[in-house]
Structure formats: structure tokens, C-alpha cells
Protein backbone atom coordinates (compact mmCIF):
# COMPACT_ATOMS: atom_id res chain seq x y z
CA MET A 1 90.35 89.28 -7.08
CA PRO A 2 89.21 89.58 -3.64
CA VAL A 3 90.23 92.77 -0.97
CA ASP A 4 91.18 92.21 2.12
CA LEU A 5 89.88 94.30 4.80
CA GLU A 6 93.32 95.54 5.86
CA SER A 7 93.45 97.33 2.17
CA ILE A 8 89.92 99.23 3.06
CA LYS A 9 91.04 100.63 6.31
CA VAL A 10 94.10 102.28 5.07
CA LEU A 11 92.46 103.65 2.22
CA ALA A 12 89.57 105.27 5.12
CA ALA A 13 92.72 105.84 7.19
CA VAL A 14 94.58 107.93 4.82
CA VAL A 15 91.56 110.11 3.50
CA SER A 16 90.94 110.49 6.68
CA ALA A 17 94.21 111.91 8.09
CA GLY A 18 95.11 114.02 4.73
CA SER A 19 98.10 112.05 3.37
CA PHE A 20 100.05 109.02 4.19
CA ALA A 21 102.13 110.07 6.30
CA LYS A 22 99.28 111.11 9.11
CA ALA A 23 97.51 108.15 7.76
CA ALA A 24 100.82 106.14 8.48
CA GLU A 25 100.74 108.07 12.29
CA LYS A 26 97.58 106.58 12.76
CA LEU A 27 97.68 103.57 12.33
CA ASN A 28 101.03 103.11 13.65
CA LYS A 29 102.13 101.77 10.61
CA THR A 30 105.77 102.91 8.46
CA GLN A 31 104.81 105.56 5.53
CA SER A 32 106.53 102.65 3.24
CA SER A 33 103.41 100.09 3.86
CA VAL A 34 100.92 101.99 4.08
CA SER A 35 102.01 103.18 0.28
CA TYR A 36 102.33 99.82 -0.31
CA GLN A 37 98.95 98.20 1.20
CA ILE A 38 97.05 100.73 -1.49
CA GLN A 39 99.12 99.94 -4.23
CA LYS A 40 98.42 96.49 -3.45
CA LEU A 41 94.09 97.45 -3.66
CA GLU A 42 94.69 99.19 -6.89
CA GLN A 43 97.26 96.00 -8.36
CA ARG A 44 93.99 94.03 -7.49
CA LEU A 45 91.65 96.85 -8.85
CA GLY A 46 93.43 97.58 -11.82
CA THR A 47 92.72 100.97 -11.76
CA GLU A 48 94.07 104.16 -9.13
CA VAL A 49 92.05 104.76 -6.38
CA PHE A 50 93.78 108.30 -5.42
CA ASP A 51 94.74 110.71 -8.58
CA ARG A 52 98.64 111.81 -7.38
CA SER A 53 98.65 114.39 -10.27
CA ALA A 54 97.86 117.40 -7.34
CA TYR A 55 99.69 118.63 -4.31
CA ARG A 56 97.38 116.58 -2.34
CA ALA A 57 96.38 113.06 -3.26
CA GLU A 58 92.54 112.68 -4.14
CA LEU A 59 89.99 109.91 -4.81
CA THR A 60 89.72 109.10 -8.00
CA PRO A 61 85.61 108.37 -8.61
CA VAL A 62 86.97 104.43 -8.58
CA GLY A 63 88.45 105.45 -5.02
CA GLU A 64 84.95 106.79 -3.92
CA ARG A 65 83.38 104.66 -4.11
CA ILE A 66 85.40 101.76 -3.07
CA LEU A 67 85.96 103.67 -0.15
CA ALA A 68 82.14 104.25 0.65
CA GLU A 69 81.46 100.78 0.05
CA GLY A 70 84.85 99.70 2.39
CA GLN A 71 83.75 101.70 4.73
CA ARG A 72 80.07 99.82 4.99
CA LEU A 73 82.26 96.40 5.74
CA LEU A 74 83.99 97.66 7.86
CA ASN A 75 81.47 99.10 10.02
CA GLN A 76 79.95 95.12 9.72
CA ALA A 77 83.49 93.71 10.74
CA LYS A 78 83.20 95.90 13.63
CA HIS A 79 79.99 95.14 14.84
CA LEU A 80 80.40 90.96 14.06
CA SER A 81 83.60 91.69 16.26
CA SER A 82 81.15 92.80 18.81
CA LEU A 83 78.54 90.44 18.31
CA VAL A 84 81.09 87.31 18.81
CA ASP A 85 82.54 89.18 22.48
CA GLN A 86 79.54 89.68 23.36
CA PHE A 87 78.06 86.47 22.72
CA SER A 88 81.10 84.58 24.30
CA GLU A 89 80.49 86.73 27.56
CA GLY A 90 76.97 84.82 28.18
CA TRP A 91 74.45 86.73 25.55
CA GLU A 92 72.41 83.97 24.04
CA PRO A 93 72.20 85.40 20.22
CA ARG A 94 68.48 84.36 20.51
CA LEU A 95 65.39 85.08 22.98
CA GLU A 96 62.23 84.14 22.95
CA LEU A 97 59.19 85.17 24.86
CA VAL A 98 55.31 84.03 24.65
CA VAL A 99 52.48 86.00 26.61
CA ASP A 100 49.38 85.87 27.46
CA GLY A 101 47.61 88.48 26.09
CA MET A 102 45.10 89.28 28.62
CA LEU A 103 48.07 90.18 30.78
CA PRO A 104 48.74 94.50 30.91
CA SER A 105 51.22 95.04 28.01
CA LEU A 106 52.38 98.24 29.93
CA PRO A 107 54.87 96.69 32.24
CA LEU A 108 56.20 94.30 30.07
CA LEU A 109 56.76 96.92 26.76
CA ALA A 110 58.41 98.76 30.12
CA ALA A 111 60.85 95.76 30.88
CA LEU A 112 61.47 95.53 26.76
CA LYS A 113 62.15 99.23 26.64
CA GLU A 114 65.02 98.54 29.61
CA MET A 115 66.42 95.77 27.19
CA ALA A 116 66.51 97.62 24.32
CA ASP A 117 68.24 100.13 26.40
CA LEU A 118 70.67 98.29 27.28
CA ASN A 119 71.34 97.36 23.37
CA ILE A 120 72.34 94.07 23.99
CA PRO A 121 73.02 91.94 21.30
CA THR A 122 70.04 89.03 21.75
CA HIS A 123 67.49 89.31 19.19
CA ILE A 124 64.17 88.99 20.97
CA GLN A 125 61.08 87.00 19.77
CA LEU A 126 57.54 88.72 21.86
CA ARG A 127 54.22 86.00 20.49
CA VAL A 128 51.11 87.00 21.97
CA GLU A 129 48.52 83.77 22.65
CA TYR A 130 45.66 83.28 25.11
CA LEU A 131 45.22 80.72 27.70
CA GLY A 132 46.42 77.20 26.69
CA GLY A 133 47.73 78.81 23.64
CA VAL A 134 50.50 80.28 25.26
CA GLN A 135 51.96 77.22 27.11
CA GLN A 136 50.99 75.25 23.60
CA ARG A 137 53.11 77.87 22.20
CA PHE A 138 56.14 77.46 24.52
CA GLU A 139 56.32 73.84 23.86
CA GLN A 140 55.67 73.82 20.20
CA ASP A 141 58.43 76.23 19.51
CA ASN A 142 60.42 75.26 22.44
CA ALA A 143 60.56 78.87 23.66
CA ASP A 144 62.66 80.55 26.41
CA LEU A 145 60.15 82.03 28.86
CA MET A 146 56.58 82.02 29.14
CA LEU A 147 54.17 84.98 30.50
CA ALA A 148 51.17 82.82 31.32
CA LEU A 149 47.73 83.29 33.16
CA GLU A 150 47.14 79.33 33.12
CA TYR A 151 49.64 76.31 33.10
CA GLN A 152 50.02 72.85 33.25
CA ALA A 153 52.50 72.22 36.25
CA ASP A 154 55.77 70.40 34.70
CA ASN A 155 58.86 69.35 37.41
CA ARG A 156 61.17 70.45 34.31
CA LEU A 157 59.94 73.76 34.64
CA SER A 158 60.83 76.70 36.99
CA VAL A 159 57.86 78.85 38.06
CA GLN A 160 57.80 82.33 39.44
CA ALA A 161 54.60 83.85 40.82
CA LEU A 162 54.42 87.38 39.82
CA ALA A 163 51.76 90.14 41.04
CA ASP A 164 48.08 89.40 40.99
CA LEU A 165 45.96 90.42 37.81
CA LYS A 166 42.36 91.62 38.90
CA THR A 167 39.63 90.71 36.50
CA VAL A 168 35.55 92.44 36.83
CA LEU A 169 32.65 91.17 34.50
CA VAL A 170 31.44 93.89 32.77
CA VAL A 171 28.28 95.76 30.58
CA ALA A 172 27.81 98.68 28.77
CA ALA A 173 26.10 100.98 30.56
CA THR A 174 23.14 100.75 27.75
CA HIS A 175 22.55 97.01 28.10
CA PRO A 176 19.64 95.26 30.08
CA LEU A 177 22.15 94.20 32.14
CA ALA A 178 23.64 96.97 33.57
CA GLN A 179 20.39 97.91 35.66
CA MET A 180 19.20 94.48 36.71
CA ARG A 181 20.47 93.81 40.29
CA ALA A 182 20.66 90.45 42.29
CA ILE A 183 21.65 88.95 38.80
CA GLU A 184 20.91 85.00 38.30
CA LEU A 185 23.21 82.37 36.09
CA ALA A 186 19.86 81.69 34.39
CA GLN A 187 19.26 85.69 33.99
CA LEU A 188 23.10 86.03 32.62
CA GLN A 189 22.70 82.88 29.81
CA HIS A 190 19.58 84.73 28.25
CA HIS A 191 22.44 87.54 26.84
CA ILE A 192 25.15 87.43 24.88
CA GLU A 193 28.62 87.00 26.74
CA LEU A 194 31.79 88.14 25.28
CA THR A 195 34.80 86.12 25.31
CA VAL A 196 38.38 85.71 23.67
CA HIS A 197 38.62 82.19 22.12
CA ASP A 198 41.63 80.34 23.36
CA SER A 199 44.40 80.17 20.91
CA SER A 200 45.17 76.49 21.63
CA TYR A 201 44.19 74.09 18.82
CA ASN A 202 44.75 71.26 21.46
CA LYS A 203 41.88 70.57 24.10
CA ALA A 204 44.71 68.66 25.99
CA TYR A 205 45.91 72.34 26.69
CA GLY A 206 42.43 73.11 28.59
CA GLY A 207 40.63 76.96 28.57
CA ARG A 208 38.61 79.06 30.64
CA GLN A 209 34.93 77.80 30.39
CA THR A 210 31.73 80.35 29.84
CA PHE A 211 28.60 80.70 31.27
CA GLY A 212 27.58 77.82 29.62
CA GLY A 213 24.75 80.51 27.10
CA GLU A 214 23.87 79.84 23.97
CA ARG A 215 25.32 82.83 22.77
CA VAL A 216 28.93 83.04 23.11
CA PHE A 217 31.40 85.10 20.69
CA TYR A 218 34.41 84.89 20.71
CA LEU A 219 36.71 87.85 19.78
CA SER A 220 40.38 87.76 18.40
CA ASP A 221 42.17 89.65 21.69
CA PHE A 222 40.45 92.02 24.53
CA ARG A 223 40.93 94.86 22.18
CA ALA A 224 38.22 93.60 19.83
CA LYS A 225 36.88 92.51 23.17
CA LEU A 226 36.72 96.17 24.98
CA GLU A 227 35.02 97.93 21.33
CA ALA A 228 32.36 94.89 21.43
CA LEU A 229 31.42 95.88 25.00
CA ASN A 230 31.31 99.67 24.34
CA LEU A 231 29.13 99.10 22.10
CA GLY A 232 26.70 96.85 24.09
CA LEU A 233 26.79 93.53 22.13
CA GLY A 234 27.03 91.65 25.23
CA PHE A 235 28.41 90.77 28.50
CA GLY A 236 32.92 89.85 29.56
CA TRP A 237 35.56 89.43 31.96
CA MET A 238 37.67 92.32 31.54
CA PRO A 239 41.03 92.99 33.24
CA MET A 240 40.77 95.82 36.04
CA VAL A 241 43.33 97.61 34.46
CA MET A 242 41.90 97.81 30.62
CA VAL A 243 38.45 99.47 32.13
CA GLN A 244 38.76 101.29 35.34
CA HIS A 245 38.55 104.45 33.45
CA LEU A 246 35.35 103.26 31.71
CA LEU A 247 33.87 102.38 35.16
CA ASP A 248 34.68 105.55 36.74
CA SER A 249 33.19 107.59 33.84
CA GLY A 250 30.02 105.15 33.95
CA GLU A 251 30.48 103.95 30.18
CA LEU A 252 30.79 99.95 31.54
CA VAL A 253 29.30 98.85 34.68
CA GLU A 254 30.18 96.34 37.18
CA LEU A 255 27.38 93.28 36.84
CA ASP A 256 25.71 92.80 40.16
CA TYR A 257 25.92 89.04 39.41
CA LEU A 258 25.65 86.56 42.52
CA GLY A 259 28.39 84.69 41.32
CA GLY A 260 30.75 86.97 41.88
CA SER A 261 31.71 89.56 39.22
CA ARG A 262 35.53 90.12 40.54
CA HIS A 263 38.17 86.86 40.12
CA ARG A 264 41.84 87.31 40.49
CA TYR A 265 44.65 85.59 38.41
CA THR A 266 47.97 84.79 39.54
CA PRO A 267 50.21 85.51 36.38
CA VAL A 268 53.51 83.24 36.38
CA LEU A 269 56.78 83.13 34.72
CA VAL A 270 57.81 80.31 33.38
CA ASN A 271 61.42 78.68 32.28
CA ARG A 272 63.70 75.39 31.14
CA LEU A 273 64.79 73.52 33.76
CA ASP A 274 66.71 71.60 31.25
CA ARG A 275 67.71 74.76 29.12
CA PRO A 276 69.22 77.19 31.90
CA LEU A 277 68.46 80.92 30.99
CA GLY A 278 71.45 82.99 29.71
CA ARG A 279 72.26 86.59 30.11
CA ALA A 280 69.50 87.99 28.46
CA GLY A 281 67.32 85.79 29.72
CA LEU A 282 67.96 86.58 33.74
CA LEU A 283 68.44 89.88 33.05
CA LEU A 284 64.53 89.85 31.26
CA SER A 285 63.07 87.59 33.66
CA GLU A 286 64.76 90.29 36.56
CA LYS A 287 63.19 92.72 34.89
CA ILE A 288 59.38 90.90 34.17
CA ARG A 289 59.12 90.71 37.73
CA GLN A 290 60.23 94.15 38.53
CA CYS A 291 57.85 95.98 36.42
CA PHE A 292 55.28 93.46 37.41
């Protein structure tokens, strides 16, 4: 037989207040109504929840178990009520953000921490892809936001440019290229190039081209690429923010490549015009712009 939450609420109040009279005062009810709720609960359970043989009513083992489980239900009901209120105020239940893994993680994590500190009800799903895979995932998942380095323009998208990202062409100090000056393309092509694989599986999304050498090693992410660089396996582009300390220490060397050893990308924050962002999406967008 179902037990209503009101009876559980009264039970918790009696235990908390220490008596039926004080519980009635706390709940702004009459003592008779409080007693009736407890009696109704006991009838539904087919057993007593209070041992009334002592001077002060104490919970029976069944009453203790019912209170413990009931308290959990009361907390869930309170949480559900809070969620309903928050969603009615414009918070979306779910928000998906797709990010290019080449972008520095600290600004993004800082933005997400600020969101978490606000204790909003929205569940934020973060997915990491690379190059053309970012927009492909954004479209495939019908995601809400995209933080990308490369994207195909579309009049259905709203695009906001963020601060430039600097990349540098580097190699380990122990690698033969580190000692060379005025390096030409043909000389680069004799060595192994390290790159992160474009995570898109559809060629229509494109992807950054390599230097055209015969030996190109594709790594899963920039952490793996950095490890390969440190081992002297080959050369490759890296975000400056990830390798500045290694350049300063001399462990990595910026290549003296005639075609240019530095490049700037302008990351963009993208959302859909046909599906306006809710409060969480707008707030996350604002914090990403601030943190980047």
C-alpha cells in the first residue's frame, strides 16, 4: 500500500521535535492531525512506528527504517521541486559543448568551475574532438555550443571570435633539425612529422594539411604529441601555451623554417541561431569569453 510523503514529513517532524505537540507546533497543525497522520501511516504499514510504552515515544526498528528511507524520499522531492522551479526560470536541463582539443584547457576548466560553483541545475556535457571533427560532432549530436579552430561558415550559426591562439613549430633539442638553420621544405620532409589526427570521418569537413613528407605519425591528442616530441621522434606544431616552459628550458627548440615557424589561429565560439541558448548556455558563453 503506497505511503504518502506527508506522513513521512510528519514522522520526521515528530522525531526532530521530540513530541507530537512540538511537531504540531512546528508544522502549524493541530496535535490531533499529527496523531492521525502517524496512525494512518501505521495502518498502511500494518505495524507501529513508535513504541508508546515509554514516557517518551521512541521509534520502533520499523519506524527507524521507514524514517531513514523516507528522509531520502523527502530530500529527493525537495530537490525535484527545486529543479522544477529552476527549469521554469529558463535553465535548460542539458547543455552540450564540443571543443577542439588543441585549445588550452585551463581557461575552459576555469569557466566550467565558475558554472559548477553556481550550483545550477543544468547538466553540462563536454566533448573533445580535433579539427574538422569538432563541427562534425557539433552537427551530429545537435550540440548547443562549439569551441573550434576551424569551421564551415553557415548563416544558421552565430559566431564569436575569441583571443588568438599562437602555435609554434618545434622539435627536441637532441633532434638533427634543432641544429639546422634556414630549413627548407624539402629538408623538413626528410624527417618524421608529428600531428594530431583530424577526428572527423567525413572528408567534407576538411582538416589541416601536413608538410607533405612520406613519414607522418598521427597521435591521439596533444599530450601524446608532446611526449613524442620530447622523445625526439619528430617535429610538429604545438600550442605555444603548452610548450613555452620547454622552450625556455631548452628541451624543445623552435625550428628555423623558411616557411615560418609560428602561426596564429582565431578560435570561435559558435551556437545555433535556430535554437536560442537558455540561461546556462548564455552564462557559459559569457564565462568562456571572459576566461579566454
